[in-house]
Amino acid sequence: MGPLIQAGTNNYFSLEAGPAFAAGANGTYQLGANTFETYPGPGMLASGNAFAQSYFGARVNGITDPQAFATTLNAGGSYNSSSSYNSTLTSTINQANAVMGCQ
């Protein structure tokens, strides 16, 4: 989980709350000056669906290679400016795939 993800929020993609809740969101939480959405749990289905319907989800739709996914998601550092973001995300995806038997 990334640094913006807070325990119990089930917001696996650190999706910020807009003027209206994303489909499946059930509340919000504050982190500094930013407002993020919360999703029902357990699991990441609601958060994943909201991500897939967002700008970032549309950007990576259909990309199955973890490195290509991270690079495209973070094109120009627009999603996360950390220099280690792409490698960290790729590693996390690979670990999740291994645990779930998707590799």
PDB file of N, CA and C in Angstrom:
ATOM      1  N   MET A   1       0.835  -1.178   0.000  1.00  0.00           N
ATOM      2  CA  MET A   1       0.000   0.000   0.000  1.00  0.00           C
ATOM      3  C   MET A   1       0.880   1.242   0.000  1.00  0.00           C
ATOM      4  N   GLY A   2       0.406   2.237  -0.698  1.00  0.00           N
ATOM      5  CA  GLY A   2       1.155   3.473  -0.795  1.00  0.00           C
ATOM      6  C   GLY A   2       1.028   4.321   0.453  1.00  0.00           C
ATOM      7  N   PRO A   3       1.815   5.391   0.536  1.00  0.00           N
ATOM      8  CA  PRO A   3       1.794   6.236   1.733  1.00  0.00           C
ATOM      9  C   PRO A   3       0.476   6.981   1.935  1.00  0.00           C
ATOM     10  N   LEU A   4      -0.326   7.106   0.900  1.00  0.00           N
ATOM     11  CA  LEU A   4      -1.601   7.812   1.042  1.00  0.00           C
ATOM     12  C   LEU A   4      -2.722   6.883   1.486  1.00  0.00           C
ATOM     13  N   ILE A   5      -2.468   5.599   1.461  1.00  0.00           N
ATOM     14  CA  ILE A   5      -3.512   4.641   1.811  1.00  0.00           C
ATOM     15  C   ILE A   5      -3.536   4.464   3.325  1.00  0.00           C
ATOM     16  N   GLN A   6      -4.672   4.714   3.910  1.00  0.00           N
ATOM     17  CA  GLN A   6      -4.832   4.631   5.354  1.00  0.00           C
ATOM     18  C   GLN A   6      -5.591   3.358   5.707  1.00  0.00           C
ATOM     19  N   ALA A   7      -5.207   2.732   6.793  1.00  0.00           N
ATOM     20  CA  ALA A   7      -5.847   1.497   7.236  1.00  0.00           C
ATOM     21  C   ALA A   7      -7.354   1.688   7.369  1.00  0.00           C
ATOM     22  N   GLY A   8      -8.089   0.726   6.874  1.00  0.00           N
ATOM     23  CA  GLY A   8      -9.540   0.737   7.001  1.00  0.00           C
ATOM     24  C   GLY A   8     -10.277   1.506   5.930  1.00  0.00           C
ATOM     25  N   THR A   9      -9.557   2.179   5.023  1.00  0.00           N
ATOM     26  CA  THR A   9     -10.229   2.974   3.998  1.00  0.00           C
ATOM     27  C   THR A   9     -10.504   2.172   2.726  1.00  0.00           C
ATOM     28  N   ASN A  10      -9.755   1.097   2.507  1.00  0.00           N
ATOM     29  CA  ASN A  10      -9.859   0.273   1.301  1.00  0.00           C
ATOM     30  C   ASN A  10      -9.680   1.080   0.025  1.00  0.00           C
ATOM     31  N   ASN A  11      -8.957   2.202   0.107  1.00  0.00           N
ATOM     32  CA  ASN A  11      -8.667   3.052  -1.053  1.00  0.00           C
ATOM     33  C   ASN A  11      -7.276   2.661  -1.556  1.00  0.00           C
ATOM     34  N   TYR A  12      -7.204   1.569  -2.296  1.00  0.00           N
ATOM     35  CA  TYR A  12      -5.930   0.997  -2.706  1.00  0.00           C
ATOM     36  C   TYR A  12      -5.212   1.823  -3.762  1.00  0.00           C
ATOM     37  N   PHE A  13      -5.899   2.789  -4.356  1.00  0.00           N
ATOM     38  CA  PHE A  13      -5.299   3.597  -5.414  1.00  0.00           C
ATOM     39  C   PHE A  13      -5.163   5.058  -5.023  1.00  0.00           C
ATOM     40  N   SER A  14      -5.372   5.370  -3.757  1.00  0.00           N
ATOM     41  CA  SER A  14      -5.265   6.744  -3.252  1.00  0.00           C
ATOM     42  C   SER A  14      -6.106   7.712  -4.074  1.00  0.00           C
ATOM     43  N   LEU A  15      -7.333   7.310  -4.377  1.00  0.00           N
ATOM     44  CA  LEU A  15      -8.215   8.144  -5.200  1.00  0.00           C
ATOM     45  C   LEU A  15      -8.757   9.304  -4.373  1.00  0.00           C
ATOM     46  N   GLU A  16      -8.567  10.503  -4.899  1.00  0.00           N
ATOM     47  CA  GLU A  16      -9.069  11.693  -4.226  1.00  0.00           C
ATOM     48  C   GLU A  16     -10.567  11.816  -4.453  1.00  0.00           C
ATOM     49  N   ALA A  17     -11.245  12.365  -3.467  1.00  0.00           N
ATOM     50  CA  ALA A  17     -12.687  12.576  -3.561  1.00  0.00           C
ATOM     51  C   ALA A  17     -12.951  13.828  -4.373  1.00  0.00           C
ATOM     52  N   GLY A  18     -13.808  13.705  -5.350  1.00  0.00           N
ATOM     53  CA  GLY A  18     -14.207  14.848  -6.156  1.00  0.00           C
ATOM     54  C   GLY A  18     -15.501  15.427  -5.634  1.00  0.00           C
ATOM     55  N   PRO A  19     -16.150  16.240  -6.451  1.00  0.00           N
ATOM     56  CA  PRO A  19     -17.412  16.850  -6.029  1.00  0.00           C
ATOM     57  C   PRO A  19     -18.494  15.818  -5.735  1.00  0.00           C
ATOM     58  N   ALA A  20     -18.409  14.675  -6.407  1.00  0.00           N
ATOM     59  CA  ALA A  20     -19.365  13.590  -6.174  1.00  0.00           C
ATOM     60  C   ALA A  20     -18.565  12.316  -5.919  1.00  0.00           C
ATOM     61  N   PHE A  21     -19.120  11.442  -5.123  1.00  0.00           N
ATOM     62  CA  PHE A  21     -18.442  10.176  -4.862  1.00  0.00           C
ATOM     63  C   PHE A  21     -18.305   9.365  -6.142  1.00  0.00           C
ATOM     64  N   ALA A  22     -17.198   8.645  -6.240  1.00  0.00           N
ATOM     65  CA  ALA A  22     -17.055   7.664  -7.305  1.00  0.00           C
ATOM     66  C   ALA A  22     -18.015   6.525  -7.012  1.00  0.00           C
ATOM     67  N   ALA A  23     -18.394   5.807  -8.049  1.00  0.00           N
ATOM     68  CA  ALA A  23     -19.266   4.651  -7.852  1.00  0.00           C
ATOM     69  C   ALA A  23     -18.624   3.706  -6.854  1.00  0.00           C
ATOM     70  N   GLY A  24     -19.348   3.356  -5.824  1.00  0.00           N
ATOM     71  CA  GLY A  24     -18.847   2.414  -4.835  1.00  0.00           C
ATOM     72  C   GLY A  24     -18.224   3.046  -3.609  1.00  0.00           C
ATOM     73  N   ALA A  25     -17.893   4.331  -3.656  1.00  0.00           N
ATOM     74  CA  ALA A  25     -17.308   4.990  -2.482  1.00  0.00           C
ATOM     75  C   ALA A  25     -18.386   5.160  -1.414  1.00  0.00           C
ATOM     76  N   ASN A  26     -17.968   5.075  -0.152  1.00  0.00           N
ATOM     77  CA  ASN A  26     -18.962   5.203   0.917  1.00  0.00           C
ATOM     78  C   ASN A  26     -18.599   6.248   1.964  1.00  0.00           C
ATOM     79  N   GLY A  27     -17.599   7.070   1.677  1.00  0.00           N
ATOM     80  CA  GLY A  27     -17.210   8.114   2.610  1.00  0.00           C
ATOM     81  C   GLY A  27     -15.908   8.749   2.190  1.00  0.00           C
ATOM     82  N   THR A  28     -15.355   9.580   3.077  1.00  0.00           N
ATOM     83  CA  THR A  28     -14.098  10.260   2.791  1.00  0.00           C
ATOM     84  C   THR A  28     -13.239  10.296   4.047  1.00  0.00           C
ATOM     85  N   TYR A  29     -11.961  10.594   3.858  1.00  0.00           N
ATOM     86  CA  TYR A  29     -11.042  10.857   4.960  1.00  0.00           C
ATOM     87  C   TYR A  29     -10.079  11.940   4.519  1.00  0.00           C
ATOM     88  N   GLN A  30      -9.546  12.660   5.482  1.00  0.00           N
ATOM     89  CA  GLN A  30      -8.606  13.753   5.219  1.00  0.00           C
ATOM     90  C   GLN A  30      -7.177  13.284   5.446  1.00  0.00           C
ATOM     91  N   LEU A  31      -6.287  13.709   4.581  1.00  0.00           N
ATOM     92  CA  LEU A  31      -4.863  13.524   4.761  1.00  0.00           C
ATOM     93  C   LEU A  31      -4.226  14.836   4.359  1.00  0.00           C
ATOM     94  N   GLY A  32      -3.822  15.618   5.349  1.00  0.00           N
ATOM     95  CA  GLY A  32      -3.344  16.966   5.074  1.00  0.00           C
ATOM     96  C   GLY A  32      -4.488  17.790   4.505  1.00  0.00           C
ATOM     97  N   ALA A  33      -4.217  18.490   3.422  1.00  0.00           N
ATOM     98  CA  ALA A  33      -5.235  19.331   2.793  1.00  0.00           C
ATOM     99  C   ALA A  33      -6.085  18.572   1.785  1.00  0.00           C
ATOM    100  N   ASN A  34      -5.809  17.275   1.584  1.00  0.00           N
ATOM    101  CA  ASN A  34      -6.498  16.498   0.558  1.00  0.00           C
ATOM    102  C   ASN A  34      -7.576  15.602   1.150  1.00  0.00           C
ATOM    103  N   THR A  35      -8.647  15.433   0.391  1.00  0.00           N
ATOM    104  CA  THR A  35      -9.737  14.555   0.778  1.00  0.00           C
ATOM    105  C   THR A  35      -9.728  13.333  -0.132  1.00  0.00           C
ATOM    106  N   PHE A  36      -9.721  12.149   0.486  1.00  0.00           N
ATOM    107  CA  PHE A  36      -9.696  10.896  -0.253  1.00  0.00           C
ATOM    108  C   PHE A  36     -10.963  10.108   0.036  1.00  0.00           C
ATOM    109  N   GLU A  37     -11.303   9.196  -0.865  1.00  0.00           N
ATOM    110  CA  GLU A  37     -12.514   8.403  -0.710  1.00  0.00           C
ATOM    111  C   GLU A  37     -12.249   7.149   0.112  1.00  0.00           C
ATOM    112  N   THR A  38     -13.294   6.660   0.759  1.00  0.00           N
ATOM    113  CA  THR A  38     -13.246   5.363   1.423  1.00  0.00           C
ATOM    114  C   THR A  38     -14.174   4.419   0.668  1.00  0.00           C
ATOM    115  N   TYR A  39     -13.875   3.137   0.771  1.00  0.00           N
ATOM    116  CA  TYR A  39     -14.645   2.110   0.076  1.00  0.00           C
ATOM    117  C   TYR A  39     -14.976   0.992   1.046  1.00  0.00           C
ATOM    118  N   PRO A  40     -16.103   0.309   0.808  1.00  0.00           N
ATOM    119  CA  PRO A  40     -16.452  -0.808   1.683  1.00  0.00           C
ATOM    120  C   PRO A  40     -15.434  -1.931   1.530  1.00  0.00           C
ATOM    121  N   GLY A  41     -15.258  -2.706   2.550  1.00  0.00           N
ATOM    122  CA  GLY A  41     -14.279  -3.792   2.504  1.00  0.00           C
ATOM    123  C   GLY A  41     -14.897  -5.052   3.054  1.00  0.00           C
ATOM    124  N   PRO A  42     -14.195  -6.123   3.117  1.00  0.00           N
ATOM    125  CA  PRO A  42     -12.788  -6.221   2.718  1.00  0.00           C
ATOM    126  C   PRO A  42     -12.652  -6.383   1.205  1.00  0.00           C
ATOM    127  N   GLY A  43     -11.434  -6.333   0.745  1.00  0.00           N
ATOM    128  CA  GLY A  43     -11.166  -6.492  -0.676  1.00  0.00           C
ATOM    129  C   GLY A  43     -11.026  -5.169  -1.371  1.00  0.00           C
ATOM    130  N   MET A  44     -10.672  -5.223  -2.641  1.00  0.00           N
ATOM    131  CA  MET A  44     -10.399  -4.001  -3.382  1.00  0.00           C
ATOM    132  C   MET A  44     -11.309  -3.812  -4.578  1.00  0.00           C
ATOM    133  N   LEU A  45     -12.416  -4.557  -4.659  1.00  0.00           N
ATOM    134  CA  LEU A  45     -13.273  -4.471  -5.830  1.00  0.00           C
ATOM    135  C   LEU A  45     -13.836  -3.070  -6.039  1.00  0.00           C
ATOM    136  N   ALA A  46     -14.422  -2.466  -5.014  1.00  0.00           N
ATOM    137  CA  ALA A  46     -15.026  -1.134  -5.184  1.00  0.00           C
ATOM    138  C   ALA A  46     -13.961  -0.103  -5.539  1.00  0.00           C
ATOM    139  N   SER A  47     -12.813  -0.141  -4.852  1.00  0.00           N
ATOM    140  CA  SER A  47     -11.727   0.791  -5.152  1.00  0.00           C
ATOM    141  C   SER A  47     -11.192   0.554  -6.552  1.00  0.00           C
ATOM    142  N   GLY A  48     -11.037  -0.707  -6.922  1.00  0.00           N
ATOM    143  CA  GLY A  48     -10.550  -1.032  -8.268  1.00  0.00           C
ATOM    144  C   GLY A  48     -11.502  -0.568  -9.348  1.00  0.00           C
ATOM    145  N   ASN A  49     -12.802  -0.746  -9.126  1.00  0.00           N
ATOM    146  CA  ASN A  49     -13.786  -0.279 -10.104  1.00  0.00           C
ATOM    147  C   ASN A  49     -13.751   1.242 -10.241  1.00  0.00           C
ATOM    148  N   ALA A  50     -13.622   1.949  -9.121  1.00  0.00           N
ATOM    149  CA  ALA A  50     -13.548   3.409  -9.176  1.00  0.00           C
ATOM    150  C   ALA A  50     -12.285   3.840  -9.917  1.00  0.00           C
ATOM    151  N   PHE A  51     -11.184   3.167  -9.675  1.00  0.00           N
ATOM    152  CA  PHE A  51      -9.933   3.469 -10.368  1.00  0.00           C
ATOM    153  C   PHE A  51     -10.096   3.242 -11.867  1.00  0.00           C
ATOM    154  N   ALA A  52     -10.727   2.123 -12.233  1.00  0.00           N
ATOM    155  CA  ALA A  52     -10.903   1.796 -13.648  1.00  0.00           C
ATOM    156  C   ALA A  52     -11.775   2.815 -14.366  1.00  0.00           C
ATOM    157  N   GLN A  53     -12.664   3.484 -13.635  1.00  0.00           N
ATOM    158  CA  GLN A  53     -13.537   4.485 -14.233  1.00  0.00           C
ATOM    159  C   GLN A  53     -12.929   5.881 -14.222  1.00  0.00           C
ATOM    160  N   SER A  54     -11.777   6.028 -13.566  1.00  0.00           N
ATOM    161  CA  SER A  54     -11.131   7.332 -13.481  1.00  0.00           C
ATOM    162  C   SER A  54     -10.228   7.568 -14.674  1.00  0.00           C
ATOM    163  N   TYR A  55      -9.670   8.756 -14.763  1.00  0.00           N
ATOM    164  CA  TYR A  55      -8.725   9.112 -15.832  1.00  0.00           C
ATOM    165  C   TYR A  55      -7.543   8.157 -15.853  1.00  0.00           C
ATOM    166  N   PHE A  56      -7.001   7.849 -14.674  1.00  0.00           N
ATOM    167  CA  PHE A  56      -5.824   6.996 -14.620  1.00  0.00           C
ATOM    168  C   PHE A  56      -6.149   5.581 -15.058  1.00  0.00           C
ATOM    169  N   GLY A  57      -7.318   5.089 -14.680  1.00  0.00           N
ATOM    170  CA  GLY A  57      -7.712   3.748 -15.100  1.00  0.00           C
ATOM    171  C   GLY A  57      -7.864   3.656 -16.603  1.00  0.00           C
ATOM    172  N   ALA A  58      -8.446   4.684 -17.205  1.00  0.00           N
ATOM    173  CA  ALA A  58      -8.607   4.694 -18.654  1.00  0.00           C
ATOM    174  C   ALA A  58      -7.249   4.704 -19.343  1.00  0.00           C
ATOM    175  N   ARG A  59      -6.288   5.373 -18.732  1.00  0.00           N
ATOM    176  CA  ARG A  59      -4.946   5.471 -19.311  1.00  0.00           C
ATOM    177  C   ARG A  59      -4.284   4.099 -19.418  1.00  0.00           C
ATOM    178  N   VAL A  60      -4.507   3.229 -18.450  1.00  0.00           N
ATOM    179  CA  VAL A  60      -3.817   1.938 -18.406  1.00  0.00           C
ATOM    180  C   VAL A  60      -4.696   0.758 -18.786  1.00  0.00           C
ATOM    181  N   ASN A  61      -5.910   1.019 -19.213  1.00  0.00           N
ATOM    182  CA  ASN A  61      -6.843  -0.044 -19.566  1.00  0.00           C
ATOM    183  C   ASN A  61      -6.222  -0.995 -20.586  1.00  0.00           C
ATOM    184  N   GLY A  62      -6.232  -2.267 -20.285  1.00  0.00           N
ATOM    185  CA  GLY A  62      -5.748  -3.290 -21.205  1.00  0.00           C
ATOM    186  C   GLY A  62      -4.265  -3.612 -21.098  1.00  0.00           C
ATOM    187  N   ILE A  63      -3.515  -2.868 -20.320  1.00  0.00           N
ATOM    188  CA  ILE A  63      -2.085  -3.127 -20.167  1.00  0.00           C
ATOM    189  C   ILE A  63      -1.911  -4.214 -19.102  1.00  0.00           C
ATOM    190  N   THR A  64      -1.283  -5.311 -19.476  1.00  0.00           N
ATOM    191  CA  THR A  64      -1.126  -6.422 -18.537  1.00  0.00           C
ATOM    192  C   THR A  64       0.294  -6.583 -18.012  1.00  0.00           C
ATOM    193  N   ASP A  65       1.284  -6.014 -18.677  1.00  0.00           N
ATOM    194  CA  ASP A  65       2.657  -6.101 -18.204  1.00  0.00           C
ATOM    195  C   ASP A  65       2.844  -5.120 -17.044  1.00  0.00           C
ATOM    196  N   PRO A  66       3.307  -5.604 -15.870  1.00  0.00           N
ATOM    197  CA  PRO A  66       3.433  -4.726 -14.701  1.00  0.00           C
ATOM    198  C   PRO A  66       4.309  -3.494 -14.934  1.00  0.00           C
ATOM    199  N   GLN A  67       5.447  -3.652 -15.595  1.00  0.00           N
ATOM    200  CA  GLN A  67       6.339  -2.504 -15.834  1.00  0.00           C
ATOM    201  C   GLN A  67       5.689  -1.498 -16.773  1.00  0.00           C
ATOM    202  N   ALA A  68       5.048  -1.986 -17.830  1.00  0.00           N
ATOM    203  CA  ALA A  68       4.368  -1.085 -18.764  1.00  0.00           C
ATOM    204  C   ALA A  68       3.205  -0.372 -18.078  1.00  0.00           C
ATOM    205  N   PHE A  69       2.509  -1.090 -17.196  1.00  0.00           N
ATOM    206  CA  PHE A  69       1.410  -0.502 -16.437  1.00  0.00           C
ATOM    207  C   PHE A  69       1.916   0.653 -15.583  1.00  0.00           C
ATOM    208  N   ALA A  70       2.985   0.406 -14.807  1.00  0.00           N
ATOM    209  CA  ALA A  70       3.528   1.435 -13.915  1.00  0.00           C
ATOM    210  C   ALA A  70       4.037   2.634 -14.707  1.00  0.00           C
ATOM    211  N   THR A  71       4.743   2.368 -15.793  1.00  0.00           N
ATOM    212  CA  THR A  71       5.300   3.453 -16.600  1.00  0.00           C
ATOM    213  C   THR A  71       4.204   4.300 -17.229  1.00  0.00           C
ATOM    214  N   THR A  72       3.167   3.649 -17.761  1.00  0.00           N
ATOM    215  CA  THR A  72       2.068   4.376 -18.394  1.00  0.00           C
ATOM    216  C   THR A  72       1.253   5.136 -17.360  1.00  0.00           C
ATOM    217  N   LEU A  73       0.990   4.495 -16.222  1.00  0.00           N
ATOM    218  CA  LEU A  73       0.229   5.150 -15.159  1.00  0.00           C
ATOM    219  C   LEU A  73       0.935   6.407 -14.697  1.00  0.00           C
ATOM    220  N   ASN A  74       2.235   6.351 -14.624  1.00  0.00           N
ATOM    221  CA  ASN A  74       3.022   7.447 -14.068  1.00  0.00           C
ATOM    222  C   ASN A  74       3.685   8.295 -15.147  1.00  0.00           C
ATOM    223  N   ALA A  75       3.156   8.286 -16.344  1.00  0.00           N
ATOM    224  CA  ALA A  75       3.749   9.048 -17.445  1.00  0.00           C
ATOM    225  C   ALA A  75       3.962  10.500 -17.031  1.00  0.00           C
ATOM    226  N   GLY A  76       5.200  10.946 -17.136  1.00  0.00           N
ATOM    227  CA  GLY A  76       5.521  12.324 -16.786  1.00  0.00           C
ATOM    228  C   GLY A  76       5.473  12.606 -15.296  1.00  0.00           C
ATOM    229  N   GLY A  77       5.422  11.546 -14.464  1.00  0.00           N
ATOM    230  CA  GLY A  77       5.354  11.750 -13.017  1.00  0.00           C
ATOM    231  C   GLY A  77       4.030  12.339 -12.572  1.00  0.00           C
ATOM    232  N   SER A  78       3.001  12.205 -13.414  1.00  0.00           N
ATOM    233  CA  SER A  78       1.728  12.851 -13.109  1.00  0.00           C
ATOM    234  C   SER A  78       0.970  12.172 -11.985  1.00  0.00           C
ATOM    235  N   TYR A  79       1.204  10.893 -11.759  1.00  0.00           N
ATOM    236  CA  TYR A  79       0.472  10.195 -10.701  1.00  0.00           C
ATOM    237  C   TYR A  79       1.259  10.225  -9.402  1.00  0.00           C
ATOM    238  N   ASN A  80       2.556  10.044  -9.508  1.00  0.00           N
ATOM    239  CA  ASN A  80       3.402  10.066  -8.314  1.00  0.00           C
ATOM    240  C   ASN A  80       4.796  10.472  -8.758  1.00  0.00           C
ATOM    241  N   SER A  81       5.340  11.513  -8.196  1.00  0.00           N
ATOM    242  CA  SER A  81       6.619  12.040  -8.645  1.00  0.00           C
ATOM    243  C   SER A  81       7.824  11.332  -8.027  1.00  0.00           C
ATOM    244  N   SER A  82       7.604  10.359  -7.161  1.00  0.00           N
ATOM    245  CA  SER A  82       8.709   9.636  -6.548  1.00  0.00           C
ATOM    246  C   SER A  82       9.502   8.889  -7.613  1.00  0.00           C
ATOM    247  N   SER A  83      10.832   8.985  -7.540  1.00  0.00           N
ATOM    248  CA  SER A  83      11.672   8.334  -8.542  1.00  0.00           C
ATOM    249  C   SER A  83      11.590   6.818  -8.452  1.00  0.00           C
ATOM    250  N   SER A  84      11.189   6.272  -7.313  1.00  0.00           N
ATOM    251  CA  SER A  84      11.113   4.822  -7.160  1.00  0.00           C
ATOM    252  C   SER A  84       9.701   4.283  -7.386  1.00  0.00           C
ATOM    253  N   TYR A  85       8.772   5.149  -7.760  1.00  0.00           N
ATOM    254  CA  TYR A  85       7.369   4.734  -7.883  1.00  0.00           C
ATOM    255  C   TYR A  85       7.188   3.578  -8.854  1.00  0.00           C
ATOM    256  N   ASN A  86       7.749   3.693 -10.065  1.00  0.00           N
ATOM    257  CA  ASN A  86       7.531   2.657 -11.074  1.00  0.00           C
ATOM    258  C   ASN A  86       8.049   1.299 -10.606  1.00  0.00           C
ATOM    259  N   SER A  87       9.256   1.262 -10.045  1.00  0.00           N
ATOM    260  CA  SER A  87       9.805  -0.022  -9.612  1.00  0.00           C
ATOM    261  C   SER A  87       9.042  -0.574  -8.411  1.00  0.00           C
ATOM    262  N   THR A  88       8.607   0.299  -7.506  1.00  0.00           N
ATOM    263  CA  THR A  88       7.840  -0.150  -6.346  1.00  0.00           C
ATOM    264  C   THR A  88       6.492  -0.710  -6.775  1.00  0.00           C
ATOM    265  N   LEU A  89       5.808  -0.017  -7.682  1.00  0.00           N
ATOM    266  CA  LEU A  89       4.514  -0.493  -8.155  1.00  0.00           C
ATOM    267  C   LEU A  89       4.665  -1.807  -8.912  1.00  0.00           C
ATOM    268  N   THR A  90       5.682  -1.899  -9.768  1.00  0.00           N
ATOM    269  CA  THR A  90       5.920  -3.132 -10.509  1.00  0.00           C
ATOM    270  C   THR A  90       6.164  -4.297  -9.556  1.00  0.00           C
ATOM    271  N   SER A  91       6.978  -4.080  -8.534  1.00  0.00           N
ATOM    272  CA  SER A  91       7.261  -5.112  -7.543  1.00  0.00           C
ATOM    273  C   SER A  91       5.995  -5.525  -6.798  1.00  0.00           C
ATOM    274  N   THR A  92       5.185  -4.553  -6.422  1.00  0.00           N
ATOM    275  CA  THR A  92       3.934  -4.838  -5.706  1.00  0.00           C
ATOM    276  C   THR A  92       2.992  -5.663  -6.571  1.00  0.00           C
ATOM    277  N   ILE A  93       2.859  -5.309  -7.843  1.00  0.00           N
ATOM    278  CA  ILE A  93       1.997  -6.065  -8.759  1.00  0.00           C
ATOM    279  C   ILE A  93       2.508  -7.492  -8.899  1.00  0.00           C
ATOM    280  N   ASN A  94       3.821  -7.647  -9.078  1.00  0.00           N
ATOM    281  CA  ASN A  94       4.392  -8.984  -9.219  1.00  0.00           C
ATOM    282  C   ASN A  94       4.168  -9.823  -7.967  1.00  0.00           C
ATOM    283  N   GLN A  95       4.319  -9.200  -6.789  1.00  0.00           N
ATOM    284  CA  GLN A  95       4.072  -9.931  -5.540  1.00  0.00           C
ATOM    285  C   GLN A  95       2.610 -10.342  -5.410  1.00  0.00           C
ATOM    286  N   ALA A  96       1.708  -9.438  -5.747  1.00  0.00           N
ATOM    287  CA  ALA A  96       0.275  -9.759  -5.683  1.00  0.00           C
ATOM    288  C   ALA A  96      -0.074 -10.869  -6.662  1.00  0.00           C
ATOM    289  N   ASN A  97       0.489 -10.802  -7.854  1.00  0.00           N
ATOM    290  CA  ASN A  97       0.255 -11.861  -8.841  1.00  0.00           C
ATOM    291  C   ASN A  97       0.738 -13.210  -8.333  1.00  0.00           C
ATOM    292  N   ALA A  98       1.910 -13.225  -7.706  1.00  0.00           N
ATOM    293  CA  ALA A  98       2.460 -14.482  -7.180  1.00  0.00           C
ATOM    294  C   ALA A  98       1.561 -15.054  -6.079  1.00  0.00           C
ATOM    295  N   VAL A  99       1.107 -14.193  -5.166  1.00  0.00           N
ATOM    296  CA  VAL A  99       0.238 -14.641  -4.070  1.00  0.00           C
ATOM    297  C   VAL A  99      -1.077 -15.166  -4.606  1.00  0.00           C
ATOM    298  N   MET A 100      -1.596 -14.519  -5.638  1.00  0.00           N
ATOM    299  CA  MET A 100      -2.899 -14.905  -6.194  1.00  0.00           C
ATOM    300  C   MET A 100      -2.781 -15.990  -7.258  1.00  0.00           C
ATOM    301  N   GLY A 101      -1.554 -16.392  -7.596  1.00  0.00           N
ATOM    302  CA  GLY A 101      -1.356 -17.426  -8.594  1.00  0.00           C
ATOM    303  C   GLY A 101      -1.622 -16.965 -10.006  1.00  0.00           C
ATOM    304  N   CYS A 102      -1.391 -15.680 -10.282  1.00  0.00           N
ATOM    305  CA  CYS A 102      -1.673 -15.127 -11.603  1.00  0.00           C
ATOM    306  C   CYS A 102      -0.456 -15.147 -12.539  1.00  0.00           C
ATOM    307  N   GLN A 103       0.690 -15.609 -12.047  1.00  0.00           N
ATOM    308  CA  GLN A 103       1.877 -15.592 -12.910  1.00  0.00           C
ATOM    309  C   GLN A 103       2.063 -16.935 -13.563  1.00  0.00           C
TER     310      GLN A 103
END
